[in-house]
Amino acid sequence: MVEVVVKLALVAGAFALLPLLVGQAEHKVMAHMQGRLGPMYAGGFHGWAQLVADGVKFAQKEDVVPRDADRWVFKLAPGVALVPYLLVLLVIPVGPEGQVALDLGPGIFFALAVMGVGVIGAIMAGWASANKYSLLGGMRVAAQLMSYELPMVFAASSVAMAAGTLSMQGIVDEWRWWWLPWQAVGAVVFFVAGLAELRRPPFDMPVADSEIIFGPYTEYGGLRFALFLLAEYAGIVVLCALTTVLFLGGWKGPFLNTELGWLWTLLKGGVLAFCVIWLRVSYPRMREDQLQKLAWAWLVPLSLAQLALTGVLRVVL
């Protein structure tokens, strides 16, 4: 019982801390890459208090619910968008010998299914806002989810087939260095599809903050809006952790895997999170037709080819 409580407390602490660290890193990385001065001033040294300032700003804003909105769904949507990522963290191993809160047999499909539930929060927000523009944003989110869920599942199935197990702990145990070139295409497909599901730039046409005022979140303000932003950063943490565990060997590093496994996992996830921010500042937003073409004309065929290659080599070897 004590072990379970400790593990749950550690997962809750990571869920509360890591998304905030990613948000702070995004402020600083974008400030350096794009020459933004604002995020470098708050609090003095290197703008350390920028995240605190954002939190105070959101807390001070008025909590408004549109008159014609479906009030219960409108209020529930931010929680539906955020909580599923906490559940996914429960099944992601950070180290060997049981360093996971819940080692599920079909852990990989549990994680993918629950991540899909998180996207429903945005659809609920668009539908409940009594705003036709928010509803259009919610429908765009739904279309993007359906398009990119398929290649993401195919890519994850490829690495599960290679390992011969659906347990994420088992996948890392079976992982070898030569899987990097073998599963490289699947890793890229999985990561890109995950970014699209999170609606991160350049795949953020459904929310397009500078053009359509955050799509399904148009009517949200204050802390409810902050929860949607927090869900985005929590999604980045989960996506980077899943990519690390499935395709990069998880806790396996150059030395001391048993003692420093958790550190290798965090380092790999941190590098991927930096890549997420780097992509945001490097590429322009894709149009809706380009988003759909990328999914159906490129990612789905590539993920199927990776799945077929894995099946052939699995039989041969």
C-alpha atoms as a PDB file:
ATOM      1  CA  MET A   1       0.000   0.000   0.000  1.00  0.00           C
ATOM      2  CA  VAL A   2       2.823   2.407   0.883  1.00  0.00           C
ATOM      3  CA  GLU A   3       4.543   1.660  -2.442  1.00  0.00           C
ATOM      4  CA  VAL A   4       1.335   2.381  -4.381  1.00  0.00           C
ATOM      5  CA  VAL A   5       0.794   5.674  -2.521  1.00  0.00           C
ATOM      6  CA  VAL A   6       4.403   6.749  -3.152  1.00  0.00           C
ATOM      7  CA  LYS A   7       4.156   5.933  -6.869  1.00  0.00           C
ATOM      8  CA  LEU A   8       0.875   7.822  -7.232  1.00  0.00           C
ATOM      9  CA  ALA A   9       2.347  10.812  -5.405  1.00  0.00           C
ATOM     10  CA  LEU A  10       5.384  10.821  -7.705  1.00  0.00           C
ATOM     11  CA  VAL A  11       3.170  10.643 -10.802  1.00  0.00           C
ATOM     12  CA  ALA A  12       0.984  13.478  -9.506  1.00  0.00           C
ATOM     13  CA  GLY A  13       4.090  15.549  -8.768  1.00  0.00           C
ATOM     14  CA  ALA A  14       5.496  14.926 -12.245  1.00  0.00           C
ATOM     15  CA  PHE A  15       2.118  15.811 -13.783  1.00  0.00           C
ATOM     16  CA  ALA A  16       2.066  19.088 -11.855  1.00  0.00           C
ATOM     17  CA  LEU A  17       5.708  20.045 -12.522  1.00  0.00           C
ATOM     18  CA  LEU A  18       6.806  18.801 -15.951  1.00  0.00           C
ATOM     19  CA  PRO A  19       4.155  20.629 -18.059  1.00  0.00           C
ATOM     20  CA  LEU A  20       5.078  23.880 -16.286  1.00  0.00           C
ATOM     21  CA  LEU A  21       8.765  23.291 -17.040  1.00  0.00           C
ATOM     22  CA  VAL A  22       7.912  22.713 -20.711  1.00  0.00           C
ATOM     23  CA  GLY A  23       5.882  25.936 -20.738  1.00  0.00           C
ATOM     24  CA  GLN A  24       8.746  27.880 -19.161  1.00  0.00           C
ATOM     25  CA  ALA A  25      11.215  26.342 -21.614  1.00  0.00           C
ATOM     26  CA  GLU A  26       8.965  27.328 -24.512  1.00  0.00           C
ATOM     27  CA  HIS A  27       8.974  30.959 -23.364  1.00  0.00           C
ATOM     28  CA  LYS A  28      12.769  31.028 -23.178  1.00  0.00           C
ATOM     29  CA  VAL A  29      13.567  29.008 -26.314  1.00  0.00           C
ATOM     30  CA  MET A  30      11.163  31.062 -28.444  1.00  0.00           C
ATOM     31  CA  ALA A  31      12.546  34.272 -26.940  1.00  0.00           C
ATOM     32  CA  HIS A  32      16.090  33.301 -27.975  1.00  0.00           C
ATOM     33  CA  MET A  33      15.176  31.934 -31.408  1.00  0.00           C
ATOM     34  CA  GLN A  34      12.897  34.798 -32.416  1.00  0.00           C
ATOM     35  CA  GLY A  35      14.490  37.686 -30.526  1.00  0.00           C
ATOM     36  CA  ARG A  36      11.470  38.208 -28.228  1.00  0.00           C
ATOM     37  CA  LEU A  37      12.308  40.628 -25.418  1.00  0.00           C
ATOM     38  CA  GLY A  38       9.151  40.371 -23.306  1.00  0.00           C
ATOM     39  CA  PRO A  39       9.635  36.874 -21.797  1.00  0.00           C
ATOM     40  CA  MET A  40      13.189  37.802 -20.733  1.00  0.00           C
ATOM     41  CA  TYR A  41      12.209  40.625 -18.340  1.00  0.00           C
ATOM     42  CA  ALA A  42       9.630  39.336 -15.831  1.00  0.00           C
ATOM     43  CA  GLY A  43      11.242  38.902 -12.411  1.00  0.00           C
ATOM     44  CA  GLY A  44      14.655  40.161 -13.437  1.00  0.00           C
ATOM     45  CA  PHE A  45      17.246  37.478 -14.194  1.00  0.00           C
ATOM     46  CA  HIS A  46      16.437  35.812 -17.535  1.00  0.00           C
ATOM     47  CA  GLY A  47      12.707  36.417 -17.029  1.00  0.00           C
ATOM     48  CA  TRP A  48      12.404  33.640 -14.435  1.00  0.00           C
ATOM     49  CA  ALA A  49       8.951  34.857 -13.270  1.00  0.00           C
ATOM     50  CA  GLN A  50       7.250  34.868 -16.679  1.00  0.00           C
ATOM     51  CA  LEU A  51       5.251  31.718 -15.923  1.00  0.00           C
ATOM     52  CA  VAL A  52       4.202  33.128 -12.537  1.00  0.00           C
ATOM     53  CA  ALA A  53       3.043  36.314 -14.263  1.00  0.00           C
ATOM     54  CA  ASP A  54       0.976  34.286 -16.721  1.00  0.00           C
ATOM     55  CA  GLY A  55      -0.632  32.349 -13.871  1.00  0.00           C
ATOM     56  CA  VAL A  56      -1.542  35.543 -11.996  1.00  0.00           C
ATOM     57  CA  LYS A  57      -2.970  37.023 -15.195  1.00  0.00           C
ATOM     58  CA  PHE A  58      -5.239  34.015 -15.794  1.00  0.00           C
ATOM     59  CA  ALA A  59      -6.352  33.912 -12.147  1.00  0.00           C
ATOM     60  CA  GLN A  60      -7.416  37.577 -12.241  1.00  0.00           C
ATOM     61  CA  LYS A  61      -9.580  37.254 -15.333  1.00  0.00           C
ATOM     62  CA  GLU A  62     -13.339  36.958 -15.005  1.00  0.00           C
ATOM     63  CA  ASP A  63     -14.887  33.506 -15.375  1.00  0.00           C
ATOM     64  CA  VAL A  64     -17.605  34.000 -18.014  1.00  0.00           C
ATOM     65  CA  VAL A  65     -20.027  31.370 -19.299  1.00  0.00           C
ATOM     66  CA  PRO A  66     -22.032  32.333 -22.443  1.00  0.00           C
ATOM     67  CA  ARG A  67     -25.755  32.744 -21.800  1.00  0.00           C
ATOM     68  CA  ASP A  68     -26.839  30.097 -24.326  1.00  0.00           C
ATOM     69  CA  ALA A  69     -24.023  27.644 -23.612  1.00  0.00           C
ATOM     70  CA  ASP A  70     -24.550  24.115 -22.316  1.00  0.00           C
ATOM     71  CA  ARG A  71     -23.188  25.053 -18.903  1.00  0.00           C
ATOM     72  CA  TRP A  72     -22.271  21.603 -17.579  1.00  0.00           C
ATOM     73  CA  VAL A  73     -20.479  20.526 -20.744  1.00  0.00           C
ATOM     74  CA  PHE A  74     -18.826  23.947 -21.049  1.00  0.00           C
ATOM     75  CA  LYS A  75     -17.431  23.698 -17.509  1.00  0.00           C
ATOM     76  CA  LEU A  76     -16.479  20.026 -17.803  1.00  0.00           C
ATOM     77  CA  ALA A  77     -14.537  20.330 -21.082  1.00  0.00           C
ATOM     78  CA  PRO A  78     -11.229  21.671 -19.607  1.00  0.00           C
ATOM     79  CA  GLY A  79     -11.069  18.763 -17.167  1.00  0.00           C
ATOM     80  CA  VAL A  80     -11.806  16.230 -19.919  1.00  0.00           C
ATOM     81  CA  ALA A  81      -8.944  17.742 -21.932  1.00  0.00           C
ATOM     82  CA  LEU A  82      -6.450  17.597 -19.042  1.00  0.00           C
ATOM     83  CA  VAL A  83      -7.093  14.529 -16.857  1.00  0.00           C
ATOM     84  CA  PRO A  84      -6.499  11.785 -19.509  1.00  0.00           C
ATOM     85  CA  TYR A  85      -2.824  12.757 -19.726  1.00  0.00           C
ATOM     86  CA  LEU A  86      -2.482  12.077 -16.001  1.00  0.00           C
ATOM     87  CA  LEU A  87      -3.872   8.572 -16.560  1.00  0.00           C
ATOM     88  CA  VAL A  88      -1.371   7.947 -19.378  1.00  0.00           C
ATOM     89  CA  LEU A  89       1.540   8.875 -17.104  1.00  0.00           C
ATOM     90  CA  LEU A  90       0.501   6.032 -14.801  1.00  0.00           C
ATOM     91  CA  VAL A  91       1.534   3.390 -17.360  1.00  0.00           C
ATOM     92  CA  ILE A  92       4.753   5.001 -18.688  1.00  0.00           C
ATOM     93  CA  PRO A  93       7.867   3.397 -17.145  1.00  0.00           C
ATOM     94  CA  VAL A  94      10.743   5.731 -16.277  1.00  0.00           C
ATOM     95  CA  GLY A  95      13.226   3.054 -15.230  1.00  0.00           C
ATOM     96  CA  PRO A  96      13.830  -0.705 -14.874  1.00  0.00           C
ATOM     97  CA  GLU A  97      12.661  -3.049 -12.126  1.00  0.00           C
ATOM     98  CA  GLY A  98       9.135  -1.771 -11.665  1.00  0.00           C
ATOM     99  CA  GLN A  99       9.722   1.993 -11.895  1.00  0.00           C
ATOM    100  CA  VAL A 100       6.196   2.495 -13.217  1.00  0.00           C
ATOM    101  CA  ALA A 101       3.006   3.274 -11.334  1.00  0.00           C
ATOM    102  CA  LEU A 102       0.903   0.673 -13.175  1.00  0.00           C
ATOM    103  CA  ASP A 103       2.424  -1.998 -15.432  1.00  0.00           C
ATOM    104  CA  LEU A 104      -0.485  -2.937 -17.698  1.00  0.00           C
ATOM    105  CA  GLY A 105      -0.197  -5.805 -20.166  1.00  0.00           C
ATOM    106  CA  PRO A 106      -1.807  -3.820 -23.017  1.00  0.00           C
ATOM    107  CA  GLY A 107      -0.244  -0.593 -21.756  1.00  0.00           C
ATOM    108  CA  ILE A 108       0.549   0.823 -25.195  1.00  0.00           C
ATOM    109  CA  PHE A 109      -3.046   0.654 -26.423  1.00  0.00           C
ATOM    110  CA  PHE A 110      -4.356   1.935 -23.095  1.00  0.00           C
ATOM    111  CA  ALA A 111      -2.128   5.004 -23.509  1.00  0.00           C
ATOM    112  CA  LEU A 112      -3.217   5.656 -27.093  1.00  0.00           C
ATOM    113  CA  ALA A 113      -6.912   5.195 -26.279  1.00  0.00           C
ATOM    114  CA  VAL A 114      -6.809   7.557 -23.302  1.00  0.00           C
ATOM    115  CA  MET A 115      -4.867  10.183 -25.291  1.00  0.00           C
ATOM    116  CA  GLY A 116      -7.730  10.129 -27.799  1.00  0.00           C
ATOM    117  CA  VAL A 117     -10.170  10.914 -24.982  1.00  0.00           C
ATOM    118  CA  GLY A 118      -8.196  14.065 -24.195  1.00  0.00           C
ATOM    119  CA  VAL A 119      -8.925  15.465 -27.639  1.00  0.00           C
ATOM    120  CA  ILE A 120     -12.659  15.078 -26.976  1.00  0.00           C
ATOM    121  CA  GLY A 121     -12.367  17.934 -24.455  1.00  0.00           C
ATOM    122  CA  ALA A 122     -11.726  20.362 -27.326  1.00  0.00           C
ATOM    123  CA  ILE A 123     -14.704  18.983 -29.251  1.00  0.00           C
ATOM    124  CA  MET A 124     -16.908  19.377 -26.170  1.00  0.00           C
ATOM    125  CA  ALA A 125     -15.704  22.969 -25.753  1.00  0.00           C
ATOM    126  CA  GLY A 126     -16.602  23.874 -29.324  1.00  0.00           C
ATOM    127  CA  TRP A 127     -20.033  22.238 -29.174  1.00  0.00           C
ATOM    128  CA  ALA A 128     -21.028  23.663 -25.777  1.00  0.00           C
ATOM    129  CA  SER A 129     -20.000  27.279 -26.429  1.00  0.00           C
ATOM    130  CA  ALA A 130     -23.138  28.266 -28.392  1.00  0.00           C
ATOM    131  CA  ASN A 131     -20.839  29.871 -30.949  1.00  0.00           C
ATOM    132  CA  LYS A 132     -20.824  28.697 -34.554  1.00  0.00           C
ATOM    133  CA  TYR A 133     -17.164  29.597 -34.986  1.00  0.00           C
ATOM    134  CA  SER A 134     -16.213  27.566 -31.913  1.00  0.00           C
ATOM    135  CA  LEU A 135     -18.287  24.689 -33.296  1.00  0.00           C
ATOM    136  CA  LEU A 136     -16.395  24.868 -36.607  1.00  0.00           C
ATOM    137  CA  GLY A 137     -13.139  24.752 -34.650  1.00  0.00           C
ATOM    138  CA  GLY A 138     -14.369  21.687 -32.764  1.00  0.00           C
ATOM    139  CA  MET A 139     -15.249  19.941 -36.032  1.00  0.00           C
ATOM    140  CA  ARG A 140     -11.775  20.682 -37.372  1.00  0.00           C
ATOM    141  CA  VAL A 141     -10.312  19.154 -34.223  1.00  0.00           C
ATOM    142  CA  ALA A 142     -12.454  16.037 -34.754  1.00  0.00           C
ATOM    143  CA  ALA A 143     -11.363  15.723 -38.395  1.00  0.00           C
ATOM    144  CA  GLN A 144      -7.707  16.074 -37.415  1.00  0.00           C
ATOM    145  CA  LEU A 145      -8.075  13.473 -34.662  1.00  0.00           C
ATOM    146  CA  MET A 146      -9.586  10.915 -37.044  1.00  0.00           C
ATOM    147  CA  SER A 147      -6.920  11.560 -39.679  1.00  0.00           C
ATOM    148  CA  TYR A 148      -3.854  11.277 -37.448  1.00  0.00           C
ATOM    149  CA  GLU A 149      -5.003   8.601 -34.997  1.00  0.00           C
ATOM    150  CA  LEU A 150      -4.646   5.911 -37.670  1.00  0.00           C
ATOM    151  CA  PRO A 151      -0.939   6.380 -38.563  1.00  0.00           C
ATOM    152  CA  MET A 152      -0.129   6.847 -34.880  1.00  0.00           C
ATOM    153  CA  VAL A 153      -1.674   3.479 -33.968  1.00  0.00           C
ATOM    154  CA  PHE A 154       0.003   1.761 -36.933  1.00  0.00           C
ATOM    155  CA  ALA A 155       3.423   3.110 -35.899  1.00  0.00           C
ATOM    156  CA  ALA A 156       2.912   1.989 -32.306  1.00  0.00           C
ATOM    157  CA  SER A 157       1.733  -1.433 -33.519  1.00  0.00           C
ATOM    158  CA  SER A 158       4.971  -1.806 -35.456  1.00  0.00           C
ATOM    159  CA  VAL A 159       7.187  -1.467 -32.397  1.00  0.00           C
ATOM    160  CA  ALA A 160       4.827  -3.687 -30.371  1.00  0.00           C
ATOM    161  CA  MET A 161       5.122  -6.354 -33.076  1.00  0.00           C
ATOM    162  CA  ALA A 162       8.911  -6.033 -33.023  1.00  0.00           C
ATOM    163  CA  ALA A 163       9.011  -6.538 -29.256  1.00  0.00           C
ATOM    164  CA  GLY A 164       6.331  -9.220 -29.183  1.00  0.00           C
ATOM    165  CA  THR A 165       4.445  -7.527 -26.336  1.00  0.00           C
ATOM    166  CA  LEU A 166       1.990  -4.677 -25.682  1.00  0.00           C
ATOM    167  CA  SER A 167       3.551  -3.874 -22.300  1.00  0.00           C
ATOM    168  CA  MET A 168       5.686  -0.737 -22.429  1.00  0.00           C
ATOM    169  CA  GLN A 169       8.004  -2.188 -19.785  1.00  0.00           C
ATOM    170  CA  GLY A 170       8.400  -5.269 -21.984  1.00  0.00           C
ATOM    171  CA  ILE A 171       9.035  -3.170 -25.106  1.00  0.00           C
ATOM    172  CA  VAL A 172      11.953  -1.366 -23.456  1.00  0.00           C
ATOM    173  CA  ASP A 173      13.337  -4.678 -22.156  1.00  0.00           C
ATOM    174  CA  GLU A 174      13.354  -6.042 -25.722  1.00  0.00           C
ATOM    175  CA  TRP A 175      14.718  -2.845 -27.329  1.00  0.00           C
ATOM    176  CA  ARG A 176      18.148  -3.004 -29.007  1.00  0.00           C
ATOM    177  CA  TRP A 177      20.260  -0.229 -30.519  1.00  0.00           C
ATOM    178  CA  TRP A 178      19.704  -1.470 -34.071  1.00  0.00           C
ATOM    179  CA  TRP A 179      16.007  -0.758 -33.669  1.00  0.00           C
ATOM    180  CA  LEU A 180      16.862   2.928 -34.247  1.00  0.00           C
ATOM    181  CA  PRO A 181      17.297   2.529 -38.038  1.00  0.00           C
ATOM    182  CA  TRP A 182      14.778  -0.339 -38.192  1.00  0.00           C
ATOM    183  CA  GLN A 183      11.935   1.638 -36.575  1.00  0.00           C
ATOM    184  CA  ALA A 184      13.061   5.140 -37.646  1.00  0.00           C
ATOM    185  CA  VAL A 185      10.162   5.708 -40.050  1.00  0.00           C
ATOM    186  CA  GLY A 186       7.657   4.559 -37.451  1.00  0.00           C
ATOM    187  CA  ALA A 187       9.216   6.876 -34.857  1.00  0.00           C
ATOM    188  CA  VAL A 188       8.909   9.918 -37.147  1.00  0.00           C
ATOM    189  CA  VAL A 189       5.312   9.023 -38.084  1.00  0.00           C
ATOM    190  CA  PHE A 190       4.363   8.504 -34.425  1.00  0.00           C
ATOM    191  CA  PHE A 191       5.919  11.792 -33.316  1.00  0.00           C
ATOM    192  CA  VAL A 192       4.441  13.865 -36.158  1.00  0.00           C
ATOM    193  CA  ALA A 193       0.988  12.310 -35.730  1.00  0.00           C
ATOM    194  CA  GLY A 194       1.168  12.984 -31.992  1.00  0.00           C
ATOM    195  CA  LEU A 195       1.991  16.645 -32.616  1.00  0.00           C
ATOM    196  CA  ALA A 196      -0.964  16.884 -34.983  1.00  0.00           C
ATOM    197  CA  GLU A 197      -3.303  15.357 -32.377  1.00  0.00           C
ATOM    198  CA  LEU A 198      -2.079  17.918 -29.851  1.00  0.00           C
ATOM    199  CA  ARG A 199      -2.658  20.649 -32.457  1.00  0.00           C
ATOM    200  CA  ARG A 200       0.847  21.990 -32.003  1.00  0.00           C
ATOM    201  CA  PRO A 201       2.313  24.277 -34.697  1.00  0.00           C
ATOM    202  CA  PRO A 202       2.602  23.786 -37.612  1.00  0.00           C
ATOM    203  CA  PHE A 203      -0.501  21.554 -37.170  1.00  0.00           C
ATOM    204  CA  ASP A 204      -2.588  24.104 -35.251  1.00  0.00           C
ATOM    205  CA  MET A 205      -5.047  25.203 -37.939  1.00  0.00           C
ATOM    206  CA  PRO A 206      -8.087  24.159 -35.790  1.00  0.00           C
ATOM    207  CA  VAL A 207      -7.064  26.629 -33.053  1.00  0.00           C
ATOM    208  CA  ALA A 208      -5.111  29.238 -35.125  1.00  0.00           C
ATOM    209  CA  ASP A 209      -4.852  31.765 -32.295  1.00  0.00           C
ATOM    210  CA  SER A 210      -3.945  34.756 -34.487  1.00  0.00           C
ATOM    211  CA  GLU A 211      -6.659  34.118 -37.127  1.00  0.00           C
ATOM    212  CA  ILE A 212      -9.690  32.445 -35.533  1.00  0.00           C
ATOM    213  CA  ILE A 213      -9.053  33.206 -31.845  1.00  0.00           C
ATOM    214  CA  PHE A 214      -8.222  29.714 -30.623  1.00  0.00           C
ATOM    215  CA  GLY A 215     -10.999  27.872 -32.448  1.00  0.00           C
ATOM    216  CA  PRO A 216     -13.085  25.838 -29.988  1.00  0.00           C
ATOM    217  CA  TYR A 217     -11.707  27.844 -27.029  1.00  0.00           C
ATOM    218  CA  THR A 218     -12.988  31.242 -28.236  1.00  0.00           C
ATOM    219  CA  GLU A 219     -15.498  31.646 -25.391  1.00  0.00           C
ATOM    220  CA  TYR A 220     -13.117  30.533 -22.632  1.00  0.00           C
ATOM    221  CA  GLY A 221     -11.201  32.856 -20.351  1.00  0.00           C
ATOM    222  CA  GLY A 222      -9.414  32.879 -17.008  1.00  0.00           C
ATOM    223  CA  LEU A 223      -8.478  29.616 -15.350  1.00  0.00           C
ATOM    224  CA  ARG A 224     -10.616  27.471 -17.663  1.00  0.00           C
ATOM    225  CA  PHE A 225      -8.596  28.701 -20.624  1.00  0.00           C
ATOM    226  CA  ALA A 226      -5.395  28.151 -18.635  1.00  0.00           C
ATOM    227  CA  LEU A 227      -6.411  24.503 -18.128  1.00  0.00           C
ATOM    228  CA  PHE A 228      -6.586  24.029 -21.903  1.00  0.00           C
ATOM    229  CA  LEU A 229      -3.084  25.473 -22.256  1.00  0.00           C
ATOM    230  CA  LEU A 230      -1.874  23.241 -19.431  1.00  0.00           C
ATOM    231  CA  ALA A 231      -3.426  20.242 -21.201  1.00  0.00           C
ATOM    232  CA  GLU A 232      -1.385  21.096 -24.305  1.00  0.00           C
ATOM    233  CA  TYR A 233       1.865  21.103 -22.329  1.00  0.00           C
ATOM    234  CA  ALA A 234       0.865  17.918 -20.495  1.00  0.00           C
ATOM    235  CA  GLY A 235       0.245  16.353 -23.907  1.00  0.00           C
ATOM    236  CA  ILE A 236       3.761  17.335 -24.990  1.00  0.00           C
ATOM    237  CA  VAL A 237       5.202  15.617 -21.897  1.00  0.00           C
ATOM    238  CA  VAL A 238       3.185  12.460 -22.570  1.00  0.00           C
ATOM    239  CA  LEU A 239       4.015  12.366 -26.294  1.00  0.00           C
ATOM    240  CA  CYS A 240       7.744  12.806 -25.659  1.00  0.00           C
ATOM    241  CA  ALA A 241       7.682  10.154 -22.932  1.00  0.00           C
ATOM    242  CA  LEU A 242       5.840   7.668 -25.173  1.00  0.00           C
ATOM    243  CA  THR A 243       8.231   8.285 -28.082  1.00  0.00           C
ATOM    244  CA  THR A 244      11.173   7.782 -25.726  1.00  0.00           C
ATOM    245  CA  VAL A 245       9.834   4.514 -24.333  1.00  0.00           C
ATOM    246  CA  LEU A 246       8.632   3.022 -27.616  1.00  0.00           C
ATOM    247  CA  PHE A 247      11.359   4.072 -30.062  1.00  0.00           C
ATOM    248  CA  LEU A 248      14.416   5.393 -28.183  1.00  0.00           C
ATOM    249  CA  GLY A 249      15.010   2.649 -25.637  1.00  0.00           C
ATOM    250  CA  GLY A 250      13.453   4.377 -22.636  1.00  0.00           C
ATOM    251  CA  TRP A 251      15.829   4.158 -19.693  1.00  0.00           C
ATOM    252  CA  LYS A 252      18.622   2.457 -21.680  1.00  0.00           C
ATOM    253  CA  GLY A 253      21.643   4.735 -21.975  1.00  0.00           C
ATOM    254  CA  PRO A 254      25.397   4.430 -22.564  1.00  0.00           C
ATOM    255  CA  PHE A 255      26.051   3.261 -18.985  1.00  0.00           C
ATOM    256  CA  LEU A 256      24.448   2.616 -15.581  1.00  0.00           C
ATOM    257  CA  ASN A 257      20.991   1.763 -16.923  1.00  0.00           C
ATOM    258  CA  THR A 258      19.811   0.434 -13.578  1.00  0.00           C
ATOM    259  CA  GLU A 259      21.071   3.325 -11.451  1.00  0.00           C
ATOM    260  CA  LEU A 260      20.506   6.221 -13.896  1.00  0.00           C
ATOM    261  CA  GLY A 261      17.669   4.855 -16.023  1.00  0.00           C
ATOM    262  CA  TRP A 262      15.241   7.574 -14.890  1.00  0.00           C
ATOM    263  CA  LEU A 263      17.790  10.214 -15.895  1.00  0.00           C
ATOM    264  CA  TRP A 264      18.203   8.808 -19.428  1.00  0.00           C
ATOM    265  CA  THR A 265      14.420   8.789 -19.811  1.00  0.00           C
ATOM    266  CA  LEU A 266      14.154  12.435 -18.727  1.00  0.00           C
ATOM    267  CA  LEU A 267      17.049  13.518 -20.957  1.00  0.00           C
ATOM    268  CA  LYS A 268      15.594  11.867 -24.063  1.00  0.00           C
ATOM    269  CA  GLY A 269      12.163  13.326 -23.317  1.00  0.00           C
ATOM    270  CA  GLY A 270      13.694  16.758 -22.770  1.00  0.00           C
ATOM    271  CA  VAL A 271      15.445  16.679 -26.144  1.00  0.00           C
ATOM    272  CA  LEU A 272      12.175  15.736 -27.844  1.00  0.00           C
ATOM    273  CA  ALA A 273      10.336  18.544 -26.029  1.00  0.00           C
ATOM    274  CA  PHE A 274      12.984  20.966 -27.332  1.00  0.00           C
ATOM    275  CA  CYS A 275      12.304  19.645 -30.851  1.00  0.00           C
ATOM    276  CA  VAL A 276       8.574  20.324 -30.365  1.00  0.00           C
ATOM    277  CA  ILE A 277       9.344  23.965 -29.515  1.00  0.00           C
ATOM    278  CA  TRP A 278      11.894  24.194 -32.339  1.00  0.00           C
ATOM    279  CA  LEU A 279       9.275  23.057 -34.862  1.00  0.00           C
ATOM    280  CA  ARG A 280       6.861  25.703 -33.598  1.00  0.00           C
ATOM    281  CA  VAL A 281       9.236  28.576 -34.325  1.00  0.00           C
ATOM    282  CA  SER A 282      10.585  27.134 -37.597  1.00  0.00           C
ATOM    283  CA  TYR A 283       7.585  26.307 -39.799  1.00  0.00           C
ATOM    284  CA  PRO A 284       4.470  28.246 -40.836  1.00  0.00           C
ATOM    285  CA  ARG A 285       0.992  26.936 -40.116  1.00  0.00           C
ATOM    286  CA  MET A 286      -0.339  24.347 -42.578  1.00  0.00           C
ATOM    287  CA  ARG A 287      -3.718  24.808 -44.284  1.00  0.00           C
ATOM    288  CA  GLU A 288      -6.513  22.356 -43.529  1.00  0.00           C
ATOM    289  CA  ASP A 289      -6.174  20.629 -46.912  1.00  0.00           C
ATOM    290  CA  GLN A 290      -2.418  20.278 -46.373  1.00  0.00           C
ATOM    291  CA  LEU A 291      -3.037  18.731 -42.966  1.00  0.00           C
ATOM    292  CA  GLN A 292      -5.345  16.102 -44.410  1.00  0.00           C
ATOM    293  CA  LYS A 293      -3.040  15.403 -47.363  1.00  0.00           C
ATOM    294  CA  LEU A 294      -0.054  14.876 -45.052  1.00  0.00           C
ATOM    295  CA  ALA A 295      -2.019  12.352 -43.011  1.00  0.00           C
ATOM    296  CA  TRP A 296      -3.632  10.309 -45.788  1.00  0.00           C
ATOM    297  CA  ALA A 297      -1.088  10.638 -48.599  1.00  0.00           C
ATOM    298  CA  TRP A 298       2.088  10.311 -46.536  1.00  0.00           C
ATOM    299  CA  LEU A 299       1.797   9.192 -42.931  1.00  0.00           C
ATOM    300  CA  VAL A 300      -0.722   6.376 -43.421  1.00  0.00           C
ATOM    301  CA  PRO A 301       1.247   4.737 -46.304  1.00  0.00           C
ATOM    302  CA  LEU A 302       4.544   5.167 -44.453  1.00  0.00           C
ATOM    303  CA  SER A 303       3.150   3.644 -41.253  1.00  0.00           C
ATOM    304  CA  LEU A 304       1.699   0.703 -43.204  1.00  0.00           C
ATOM    305  CA  ALA A 305       5.054   0.182 -44.937  1.00  0.00           C
ATOM    306  CA  GLN A 306       6.821   0.217 -41.547  1.00  0.00           C
ATOM    307  CA  LEU A 307       4.295  -2.271 -40.191  1.00  0.00           C
ATOM    308  CA  ALA A 308       4.809  -4.576 -43.197  1.00  0.00           C
ATOM    309  CA  LEU A 309       8.615  -4.334 -42.896  1.00  0.00           C
ATOM    310  CA  THR A 310       8.461  -5.183 -39.214  1.00  0.00           C
ATOM    311  CA  GLY A 311       6.235  -8.190 -39.915  1.00  0.00           C
ATOM    312  CA  VAL A 312       8.571  -9.522 -42.608  1.00  0.00           C
ATOM    313  CA  LEU A 313      11.728  -9.095 -40.515  1.00  0.00           C
ATOM    314  CA  ARG A 314       9.996 -10.522 -37.464  1.00  0.00           C
ATOM    315  CA  VAL A 315       9.174 -13.694 -39.395  1.00  0.00           C
ATOM    316  CA  VAL A 316      12.613 -13.938 -41.040  1.00  0.00           C
ATOM    317  CA  LEU A 317      14.592 -13.265 -37.860  1.00  0.00           C
END
